[in-house]
Structures are given as C-alpha cells and as structure tokens.
Amino acid sequence: MAVQPTYPRYIKSIEYASMTSLLQDFRRALEHESGGYIHQLDNINAAMILSDLCVFLGLSNENRRKILGVQAASFIDSVMSKSDKLPVKH
C-alpha cells in the first residue's frame, strides 16, 4: 500500500489554484498562437501539446523527455529539427 502524503486543505487549494491559472495561461497561449479558440483547433498532435505544456510549465528537457517517452520525444526532436531548417522569410 502506497503512503499518501497529507497536506492541510489550504495548501491543496493553493496548488489547485496555481495549476488552474497555469493551465488557463497555456490555453490562452495556444489560442493566441493558432489565432482561434481551443475547441476549433484541428489536427492537434497530443505529443506536441504535451511537450509544449512541459516547456510552458518550466520543466527541464530531461523531465519533458521522461514525460513524453522515448518515441514521442524522438518525434518532437525530428519535428523541431525540421522547423529549424526552414528558411525565414522577412
């Protein structure tokens, strides 16, 4: 049986409020980047969203890769390396 830490209720409330605020900010960033509302986004790749969320939350690259898993992390790496090679138009 796993030992579950116990925290006073107000600490949990602060954690939930902070996470809620961070996730709202993440949604707003997605909407801003896409130019539309979150429910209108098509063809969303879950690995990309999860990777972006990890970066948004300030997780290290090592932890982001752990969360994504080997295959998804490799996929993200390949996508990012392709986008780095795209010509920039001014």
PDB file of N, CA and C in Angstrom:
ATOM      1  N   MET A   1       0.834  -1.169   0.000  1.00  0.00           N
ATOM      2  CA  MET A   1       0.000   0.000   0.000  1.00  0.00           C
ATOM      3  C   MET A   1       0.887   1.243   0.000  1.00  0.00           C
ATOM      4  N   ALA A   2       0.633   2.151  -0.934  1.00  0.00           N
ATOM      5  CA  ALA A   2       1.424   3.373  -1.050  1.00  0.00           C
ATOM      6  C   ALA A   2       1.057   4.353   0.053  1.00  0.00           C
ATOM      7  N   VAL A   3       2.049   5.022   0.562  1.00  0.00           N
ATOM      8  CA  VAL A   3       1.821   6.038   1.578  1.00  0.00           C
ATOM      9  C   VAL A   3       1.453   7.332   0.859  1.00  0.00           C
ATOM     10  N   GLN A   4       0.325   7.894   1.211  1.00  0.00           N
ATOM     11  CA  GLN A   4      -0.141   9.138   0.612  1.00  0.00           C
ATOM     12  C   GLN A   4       0.184  10.290   1.554  1.00  0.00           C
ATOM     13  N   PRO A   5       0.913  11.288   1.052  1.00  0.00           N
ATOM     14  CA  PRO A   5       1.197  12.433   1.918  1.00  0.00           C
ATOM     15  C   PRO A   5      -0.086  13.187   2.230  1.00  0.00           C
ATOM     16  N   THR A   6      -0.143  13.742   3.408  1.00  0.00           N
ATOM     17  CA  THR A   6      -1.313  14.546   3.770  1.00  0.00           C
ATOM     18  C   THR A   6      -0.871  15.994   3.904  1.00  0.00           C
ATOM     19  N   TYR A   7      -1.628  16.875   3.301  1.00  0.00           N
ATOM     20  CA  TYR A   7      -1.361  18.293   3.344  1.00  0.00           C
ATOM     21  C   TYR A   7      -2.594  18.989   3.901  1.00  0.00           C
ATOM     22  N   PRO A   8      -2.370  20.084   4.601  1.00  0.00           N
ATOM     23  CA  PRO A   8      -3.536  20.866   5.024  1.00  0.00           C
ATOM     24  C   PRO A   8      -4.352  21.279   3.802  1.00  0.00           C
ATOM     25  N   ARG A   9      -5.624  21.407   3.965  1.00  0.00           N
ATOM     26  CA  ARG A   9      -6.536  21.715   2.863  1.00  0.00           C
ATOM     27  C   ARG A   9      -6.151  23.001   2.126  1.00  0.00           C
ATOM     28  N   TYR A  10      -5.677  24.010   2.846  1.00  0.00           N
ATOM     29  CA  TYR A  10      -5.352  25.275   2.190  1.00  0.00           C
ATOM     30  C   TYR A  10      -4.158  25.131   1.227  1.00  0.00           C
ATOM     31  N   ILE A  11      -3.213  24.229   1.537  1.00  0.00           N
ATOM     32  CA  ILE A  11      -2.083  24.020   0.629  1.00  0.00           C
ATOM     33  C   ILE A  11      -2.572  23.392  -0.664  1.00  0.00           C
ATOM     34  N   LYS A  12      -3.437  22.388  -0.572  1.00  0.00           N
ATOM     35  CA  LYS A  12      -4.013  21.776  -1.770  1.00  0.00           C
ATOM     36  C   LYS A  12      -4.773  22.822  -2.578  1.00  0.00           C
ATOM     37  N   SER A  13      -5.498  23.687  -1.907  1.00  0.00           N
ATOM     38  CA  SER A  13      -6.265  24.722  -2.581  1.00  0.00           C
ATOM     39  C   SER A  13      -5.349  25.668  -3.350  1.00  0.00           C
ATOM     40  N   ILE A  14      -4.224  26.025  -2.745  1.00  0.00           N
ATOM     41  CA  ILE A  14      -3.258  26.890  -3.414  1.00  0.00           C
ATOM     42  C   ILE A  14      -2.668  26.184  -4.622  1.00  0.00           C
ATOM     43  N   GLU A  15      -2.338  24.896  -4.469  1.00  0.00           N
ATOM     44  CA  GLU A  15      -1.785  24.138  -5.592  1.00  0.00           C
ATOM     45  C   GLU A  15      -2.786  24.079  -6.744  1.00  0.00           C
ATOM     46  N   TYR A  16      -4.043  23.799  -6.435  1.00  0.00           N
ATOM     47  CA  TYR A  16      -5.066  23.714  -7.483  1.00  0.00           C
ATOM     48  C   TYR A  16      -5.270  25.064  -8.154  1.00  0.00           C
ATOM     49  N   ALA A  17      -5.283  26.134  -7.364  1.00  0.00           N
ATOM     50  CA  ALA A  17      -5.472  27.461  -7.935  1.00  0.00           C
ATOM     51  C   ALA A  17      -4.297  27.814  -8.839  1.00  0.00           C
ATOM     52  N   SER A  18      -3.083  27.482  -8.428  1.00  0.00           N
ATOM     53  CA  SER A  18      -1.902  27.761  -9.236  1.00  0.00           C
ATOM     54  C   SER A  18      -1.930  26.961 -10.524  1.00  0.00           C
ATOM     55  N   MET A  19      -2.250  25.682 -10.438  1.00  0.00           N
ATOM     56  CA  MET A  19      -2.299  24.841 -11.626  1.00  0.00           C
ATOM     57  C   MET A  19      -3.417  25.303 -12.552  1.00  0.00           C
ATOM     58  N   THR A  20      -4.540  25.685 -11.985  1.00  0.00           N
ATOM     59  CA  THR A  20      -5.647  26.191 -12.792  1.00  0.00           C
ATOM     60  C   THR A  20      -5.222  27.430 -13.555  1.00  0.00           C
ATOM     61  N   SER A  21      -4.549  28.319 -12.891  1.00  0.00           N
ATOM     62  CA  SER A  21      -4.081  29.548 -13.524  1.00  0.00           C
ATOM     63  C   SER A  21      -3.060  29.239 -14.624  1.00  0.00           C
ATOM     64  N   LEU A  22      -2.134  28.334 -14.347  1.00  0.00           N
ATOM     65  CA  LEU A  22      -1.133  27.964 -15.345  1.00  0.00           C
ATOM     66  C   LEU A  22      -1.779  27.325 -16.572  1.00  0.00           C
ATOM     67  N   LEU A  23      -2.745  26.451 -16.352  1.00  0.00           N
ATOM     68  CA  LEU A  23      -3.410  25.796 -17.480  1.00  0.00           C
ATOM     69  C   LEU A  23      -4.251  26.788 -18.287  1.00  0.00           C
ATOM     70  N   GLN A  24      -4.864  27.750 -17.617  1.00  0.00           N
ATOM     71  CA  GLN A  24      -5.586  28.796 -18.340  1.00  0.00           C
ATOM     72  C   GLN A  24      -4.628  29.604 -19.208  1.00  0.00           C
ATOM     73  N   ASP A  25      -3.481  29.940 -18.668  1.00  0.00           N
ATOM     74  CA  ASP A  25      -2.480  30.684 -19.428  1.00  0.00           C
ATOM     75  C   ASP A  25      -2.001  29.863 -20.627  1.00  0.00           C
ATOM     76  N   PHE A  26      -1.844  28.561 -20.425  1.00  0.00           N
ATOM     77  CA  PHE A  26      -1.426  27.686 -21.522  1.00  0.00           C
ATOM     78  C   PHE A  26      -2.484  27.667 -22.624  1.00  0.00           C
ATOM     79  N   ARG A  27      -3.741  27.563 -22.236  1.00  0.00           N
ATOM     80  CA  ARG A  27      -4.828  27.587 -23.222  1.00  0.00           C
ATOM     81  C   ARG A  27      -4.815  28.898 -23.993  1.00  0.00           C
ATOM     82  N   ARG A  28      -4.646  29.988 -23.291  1.00  0.00           N
ATOM     83  CA  ARG A  28      -4.599  31.300 -23.950  1.00  0.00           C
ATOM     84  C   ARG A  28      -3.429  31.389 -24.933  1.00  0.00           C
ATOM     85  N   ALA A  29      -2.289  30.833 -24.536  1.00  0.00           N
ATOM     86  CA  ALA A  29      -1.128  30.843 -25.433  1.00  0.00           C
ATOM     87  C   ALA A  29      -1.401  30.025 -26.688  1.00  0.00           C
ATOM     88  N   LEU A  30      -2.031  28.867 -26.525  1.00  0.00           N
ATOM     89  CA  LEU A  30      -2.396  28.042 -27.686  1.00  0.00           C
ATOM     90  C   LEU A  30      -3.343  28.796 -28.608  1.00  0.00           C
ATOM     91  N   GLU A  31      -4.335  29.437 -28.020  1.00  0.00           N
ATOM     92  CA  GLU A  31      -5.303  30.180 -28.824  1.00  0.00           C
ATOM     93  C   GLU A  31      -4.638  31.355 -29.536  1.00  0.00           C
ATOM     94  N   HIS A  32      -3.739  32.017 -28.846  1.00  0.00           N
ATOM     95  CA  HIS A  32      -3.046  33.156 -29.449  1.00  0.00           C
ATOM     96  C   HIS A  32      -2.193  32.701 -30.632  1.00  0.00           C
ATOM     97  N   GLU A  33      -1.444  31.614 -30.434  1.00  0.00           N
ATOM     98  CA  GLU A  33      -0.574  31.112 -31.493  1.00  0.00           C
ATOM     99  C   GLU A  33      -1.362  30.596 -32.692  1.00  0.00           C
ATOM    100  N   SER A  34      -2.516  30.014 -32.435  1.00  0.00           N
ATOM    101  CA  SER A  34      -3.300  29.428 -33.531  1.00  0.00           C
ATOM    102  C   SER A  34      -4.234  30.444 -34.179  1.00  0.00           C
ATOM    103  N   GLY A  35      -4.517  31.526 -33.470  1.00  0.00           N
ATOM    104  CA  GLY A  35      -5.438  32.521 -33.993  1.00  0.00           C
ATOM    105  C   GLY A  35      -6.896  32.091 -33.902  1.00  0.00           C
ATOM    106  N   GLY A  36      -7.203  31.110 -33.083  1.00  0.00           N
ATOM    107  CA  GLY A  36      -8.577  30.637 -32.910  1.00  0.00           C
ATOM    108  C   GLY A  36      -8.784  30.115 -31.508  1.00  0.00           C
ATOM    109  N   TYR A  37      -9.997  29.691 -31.246  1.00  0.00           N
ATOM    110  CA  TYR A  37     -10.311  29.135 -29.928  1.00  0.00           C
ATOM    111  C   TYR A  37      -9.883  27.680 -29.854  1.00  0.00           C
ATOM    112  N   ILE A  38      -9.624  27.214 -28.660  1.00  0.00           N
ATOM    113  CA  ILE A  38      -9.105  25.864 -28.443  1.00  0.00           C
ATOM    114  C   ILE A  38     -10.020  24.787 -29.028  1.00  0.00           C
ATOM    115  N   HIS A  39     -11.312  24.991 -28.958  1.00  0.00           N
ATOM    116  CA  HIS A  39     -12.231  23.968 -29.466  1.00  0.00           C
ATOM    117  C   HIS A  39     -12.296  23.954 -30.992  1.00  0.00           C
ATOM    118  N   GLN A  40     -11.673  24.931 -31.624  1.00  0.00           N
ATOM    119  CA  GLN A  40     -11.669  24.992 -33.082  1.00  0.00           C
ATOM    120  C   GLN A  40     -10.392  24.425 -33.695  1.00  0.00           C
ATOM    121  N   LEU A  41      -9.447  24.045 -32.861  1.00  0.00           N
ATOM    122  CA  LEU A  41      -8.175  23.543 -33.367  1.00  0.00           C
ATOM    123  C   LEU A  41      -8.351  22.133 -33.931  1.00  0.00           C
ATOM    124  N   ASP A  42      -7.890  21.953 -35.152  1.00  0.00           N
ATOM    125  CA  ASP A  42      -7.949  20.646 -35.801  1.00  0.00           C
ATOM    126  C   ASP A  42      -6.544  20.077 -35.924  1.00  0.00           C
ATOM    127  N   ASN A  43      -6.486  18.790 -36.094  1.00  0.00           N
ATOM    128  CA  ASN A  43      -5.217  18.105 -36.340  1.00  0.00           C
ATOM    129  C   ASN A  43      -4.168  18.419 -35.280  1.00  0.00           C
ATOM    130  N   ILE A  44      -4.563  18.316 -34.045  1.00  0.00           N
ATOM    131  CA  ILE A  44      -3.648  18.561 -32.934  1.00  0.00           C
ATOM    132  C   ILE A  44      -2.925  17.261 -32.598  1.00  0.00           C
ATOM    133  N   ASN A  45      -1.631  17.342 -32.477  1.00  0.00           N
ATOM    134  CA  ASN A  45      -0.837  16.191 -32.095  1.00  0.00           C
ATOM    135  C   ASN A  45      -0.661  16.214 -30.579  1.00  0.00           C
ATOM    136  N   ALA A  46      -1.079  15.166 -29.916  1.00  0.00           N
ATOM    137  CA  ALA A  46      -1.028  15.114 -28.456  1.00  0.00           C
ATOM    138  C   ALA A  46       0.401  15.227 -27.936  1.00  0.00           C
ATOM    139  N   ALA A  47       1.363  14.641 -28.643  1.00  0.00           N
ATOM    140  CA  ALA A  47       2.757  14.723 -28.209  1.00  0.00           C
ATOM    141  C   ALA A  47       3.250  16.169 -28.244  1.00  0.00           C
ATOM    142  N   MET A  48       2.858  16.899 -29.284  1.00  0.00           N
ATOM    143  CA  MET A  48       3.263  18.305 -29.382  1.00  0.00           C
ATOM    144  C   MET A  48       2.651  19.127 -28.258  1.00  0.00           C
ATOM    145  N   ILE A  49       1.379  18.886 -27.988  1.00  0.00           N
ATOM    146  CA  ILE A  49       0.702  19.619 -26.908  1.00  0.00           C
ATOM    147  C   ILE A  49       1.353  19.307 -25.565  1.00  0.00           C
ATOM    148  N   LEU A  50       1.613  18.033 -25.307  1.00  0.00           N
ATOM    149  CA  LEU A  50       2.220  17.649 -24.037  1.00  0.00           C
ATOM    150  C   LEU A  50       3.630  18.233 -23.915  1.00  0.00           C
ATOM    151  N   SER A  51       4.384  18.221 -24.995  1.00  0.00           N
ATOM    152  CA  SER A  51       5.724  18.809 -24.991  1.00  0.00           C
ATOM    153  C   SER A  51       5.645  20.307 -24.717  1.00  0.00           C
ATOM    154  N   ASP A  52       4.731  20.983 -25.413  1.00  0.00           N
ATOM    155  CA  ASP A  52       4.555  22.422 -25.192  1.00  0.00           C
ATOM    156  C   ASP A  52       4.153  22.716 -23.752  1.00  0.00           C
ATOM    157  N   LEU A  53       3.295  21.887 -23.200  1.00  0.00           N
ATOM    158  CA  LEU A  53       2.859  22.076 -21.818  1.00  0.00           C
ATOM    159  C   LEU A  53       4.037  21.917 -20.860  1.00  0.00           C
ATOM    160  N   CYS A  54       4.885  20.939 -21.111  1.00  0.00           N
ATOM    161  CA  CYS A  54       6.071  20.748 -20.272  1.00  0.00           C
ATOM    162  C   CYS A  54       6.973  21.971 -20.322  1.00  0.00           C
ATOM    163  N   VAL A  55       7.187  22.499 -21.524  1.00  0.00           N
ATOM    164  CA  VAL A  55       8.023  23.694 -21.682  1.00  0.00           C
ATOM    165  C   VAL A  55       7.361  24.871 -20.988  1.00  0.00           C
ATOM    166  N   PHE A  56       6.049  25.019 -21.184  1.00  0.00           N
ATOM    167  CA  PHE A  56       5.302  26.118 -20.581  1.00  0.00           C
ATOM    168  C   PHE A  56       5.389  26.085 -19.056  1.00  0.00           C
ATOM    169  N   LEU A  57       5.369  24.895 -18.481  1.00  0.00           N
ATOM    170  CA  LEU A  57       5.435  24.751 -17.026  1.00  0.00           C
ATOM    171  C   LEU A  57       6.863  24.861 -16.498  1.00  0.00           C
ATOM    172  N   GLY A  58       7.823  24.997 -17.403  1.00  0.00           N
ATOM    173  CA  GLY A  58       9.201  25.199 -16.982  1.00  0.00           C
ATOM    174  C   GLY A  58       9.939  23.929 -16.605  1.00  0.00           C
ATOM    175  N   LEU A  59       9.471  22.787 -17.078  1.00  0.00           N
ATOM    176  CA  LEU A  59      10.162  21.539 -16.771  1.00  0.00           C
ATOM    177  C   LEU A  59      11.460  21.453 -17.559  1.00  0.00           C
ATOM    178  N   SER A  60      12.413  20.744 -17.002  1.00  0.00           N
ATOM    179  CA  SER A  60      13.685  20.557 -17.697  1.00  0.00           C
ATOM    180  C   SER A  60      13.474  19.689 -18.931  1.00  0.00           C
ATOM    181  N   ASN A  61      14.419  19.756 -19.851  1.00  0.00           N
ATOM    182  CA  ASN A  61      14.353  18.928 -21.050  1.00  0.00           C
ATOM    183  C   ASN A  61      14.354  17.446 -20.672  1.00  0.00           C
ATOM    184  N   GLU A  62      15.133  17.108 -19.651  1.00  0.00           N
ATOM    185  CA  GLU A  62      15.187  15.714 -19.197  1.00  0.00           C
ATOM    186  C   GLU A  62      13.812  15.248 -18.704  1.00  0.00           C
ATOM    187  N   ASN A  63      13.156  16.053 -17.897  1.00  0.00           N
ATOM    188  CA  ASN A  63      11.839  15.681 -17.387  1.00  0.00           C
ATOM    189  C   ASN A  63      10.790  15.673 -18.502  1.00  0.00           C
ATOM    190  N   ARG A  64      10.911  16.623 -19.427  1.00  0.00           N
ATOM    191  CA  ARG A  64       9.985  16.641 -20.566  1.00  0.00           C
ATOM    192  C   ARG A  64      10.108  15.341 -21.355  1.00  0.00           C
ATOM    193  N   ARG A  65      11.331  14.897 -21.573  1.00  0.00           N
ATOM    194  CA  ARG A  65      11.554  13.654 -22.317  1.00  0.00           C
ATOM    195  C   ARG A  65      11.023  12.440 -21.547  1.00  0.00           C
ATOM    196  N   LYS A  66      11.171  12.445 -20.221  1.00  0.00           N
ATOM    197  CA  LYS A  66      10.625  11.353 -19.403  1.00  0.00           C
ATOM    198  C   LYS A  66       9.107  11.292 -19.548  1.00  0.00           C
ATOM    199  N   ILE A  67       8.473  12.451 -19.503  1.00  0.00           N
ATOM    200  CA  ILE A  67       7.016  12.517 -19.603  1.00  0.00           C
ATOM    201  C   ILE A  67       6.547  12.045 -20.970  1.00  0.00           C
ATOM    202  N   LEU A  68       7.235  12.481 -22.014  1.00  0.00           N
ATOM    203  CA  LEU A  68       6.838  12.122 -23.378  1.00  0.00           C
ATOM    204  C   LEU A  68       7.088  10.650 -23.700  1.00  0.00           C
ATOM    205  N   GLY A  69       8.133  10.091 -23.157  1.00  0.00           N
ATOM    206  CA  GLY A  69       8.531   8.745 -23.535  1.00  0.00           C
ATOM    207  C   GLY A  69       9.475   8.811 -24.730  1.00  0.00           C
ATOM    208  N   VAL A  70      10.174   7.717 -24.985  1.00  0.00           N
ATOM    209  CA  VAL A  70      11.220   7.693 -25.999  1.00  0.00           C
ATOM    210  C   VAL A  70      10.688   8.004 -27.391  1.00  0.00           C
ATOM    211  N   GLN A  71       9.616   7.356 -27.796  1.00  0.00           N
ATOM    212  CA  GLN A  71       9.109   7.536 -29.162  1.00  0.00           C
ATOM    213  C   GLN A  71       8.593   8.944 -29.408  1.00  0.00           C
ATOM    214  N   ALA A  72       7.820   9.471 -28.479  1.00  0.00           N
ATOM    215  CA  ALA A  72       7.280  10.822 -28.652  1.00  0.00           C
ATOM    216  C   ALA A  72       8.394  11.860 -28.600  1.00  0.00           C
ATOM    217  N   ALA A  73       9.369  11.671 -27.717  1.00  0.00           N
ATOM    218  CA  ALA A  73      10.490  12.610 -27.633  1.00  0.00           C
ATOM    219  C   ALA A  73      11.274  12.616 -28.946  1.00  0.00           C
ATOM    220  N   SER A  74      11.475  11.452 -29.533  1.00  0.00           N
ATOM    221  CA  SER A  74      12.163  11.372 -30.828  1.00  0.00           C
ATOM    222  C   SER A  74      11.356  12.060 -31.912  1.00  0.00           C
ATOM    223  N   PHE A  75      10.040  11.880 -31.878  1.00  0.00           N
ATOM    224  CA  PHE A  75       9.162  12.537 -32.847  1.00  0.00           C
ATOM    225  C   PHE A  75       9.287  14.053 -32.728  1.00  0.00           C
ATOM    226  N   ILE A  76       9.220  14.567 -31.512  1.00  0.00           N
ATOM    227  CA  ILE A  76       9.324  16.008 -31.274  1.00  0.00           C
ATOM    228  C   ILE A  76      10.679  16.516 -31.758  1.00  0.00           C
ATOM    229  N   ASP A  77      11.737  15.770 -31.465  1.00  0.00           N
ATOM    230  CA  ASP A  77      13.075  16.163 -31.913  1.00  0.00           C
ATOM    231  C   ASP A  77      13.130  16.279 -33.430  1.00  0.00           C
ATOM    232  N   SER A  78      12.524  15.317 -34.118  1.00  0.00           N
ATOM    233  CA  SER A  78      12.562  15.353 -35.585  1.00  0.00           C
ATOM    234  C   SER A  78      11.753  16.529 -36.129  1.00  0.00           C
ATOM    235  N   VAL A  79      10.619  16.811 -35.519  1.00  0.00           N
ATOM    236  CA  VAL A  79       9.802  17.947 -35.950  1.00  0.00           C
ATOM    237  C   VAL A  79      10.552  19.254 -35.714  1.00  0.00           C
ATOM    238  N   MET A  80      11.176  19.366 -34.555  1.00  0.00           N
ATOM    239  CA  MET A  80      11.895  20.595 -34.223  1.00  0.00           C
ATOM    240  C   MET A  80      13.118  20.776 -35.121  1.00  0.00           C
ATOM    241  N   SER A  81      13.801  19.710 -35.459  1.00  0.00           N
ATOM    242  CA  SER A  81      14.974  19.848 -36.323  1.00  0.00           C
ATOM    243  C   SER A  81      14.559  20.256 -37.730  1.00  0.00           C
ATOM    244  N   LYS A  82      13.393  19.793 -38.177  1.00  0.00           N
ATOM    245  CA  LYS A  82      12.884  20.200 -39.494  1.00  0.00           C
ATOM    246  C   LYS A  82      12.505  21.674 -39.488  1.00  0.00           C
ATOM    247  N   SER A  83      11.861  22.125 -38.422  1.00  0.00           N
ATOM    248  CA  SER A  83      11.438  23.529 -38.360  1.00  0.00           C
ATOM    249  C   SER A  83      12.631  24.456 -38.227  1.00  0.00           C
ATOM    250  N   ASP A  84      13.723  23.993 -37.630  1.00  0.00           N
ATOM    251  CA  ASP A  84      14.945  24.804 -37.520  1.00  0.00           C
ATOM    252  C   ASP A  84      15.580  25.032 -38.888  1.00  0.00           C
ATOM    253  N   LYS A  85      15.327  24.128 -39.819  1.00  0.00           N
ATOM    254  CA  LYS A  85      15.946  24.219 -41.141  1.00  0.00           C
ATOM    255  C   LYS A  85      15.094  24.982 -42.155  1.00  0.00           C
ATOM    256  N   LEU A  86      13.888  25.374 -41.756  1.00  0.00           N
ATOM    257  CA  LEU A  86      13.035  26.113 -42.679  1.00  0.00           C
ATOM    258  C   LEU A  86      13.579  27.514 -42.900  1.00  0.00           C
ATOM    259  N   PRO A  87      13.521  28.008 -44.139  1.00  0.00           N
ATOM    260  CA  PRO A  87      14.016  29.365 -44.374  1.00  0.00           C
ATOM    261  C   PRO A  87      13.112  30.401 -43.719  1.00  0.00           C
ATOM    262  N   VAL A  88      13.714  31.449 -43.247  1.00  0.00           N
ATOM    263  CA  VAL A  88      12.967  32.522 -42.602  1.00  0.00           C
ATOM    264  C   VAL A  88      12.689  33.594 -43.650  1.00  0.00           C
ATOM    265  N   LYS A  89      11.421  33.953 -43.804  1.00  0.00           N
ATOM    266  CA  LYS A  89      11.066  34.988 -44.749  1.00  0.00           C
ATOM    267  C   LYS A  89      10.791  36.283 -43.999  1.00  0.00           C
ATOM    268  N   HIS A  90      11.364  37.351 -44.489  1.00  0.00           N
ATOM    269  CA  HIS A  90      11.166  38.658 -43.843  1.00  0.00           C
ATOM    270  C   HIS A  90      10.329  39.530 -44.726  1.00  0.00           C
TER     271      HIS A  90
END
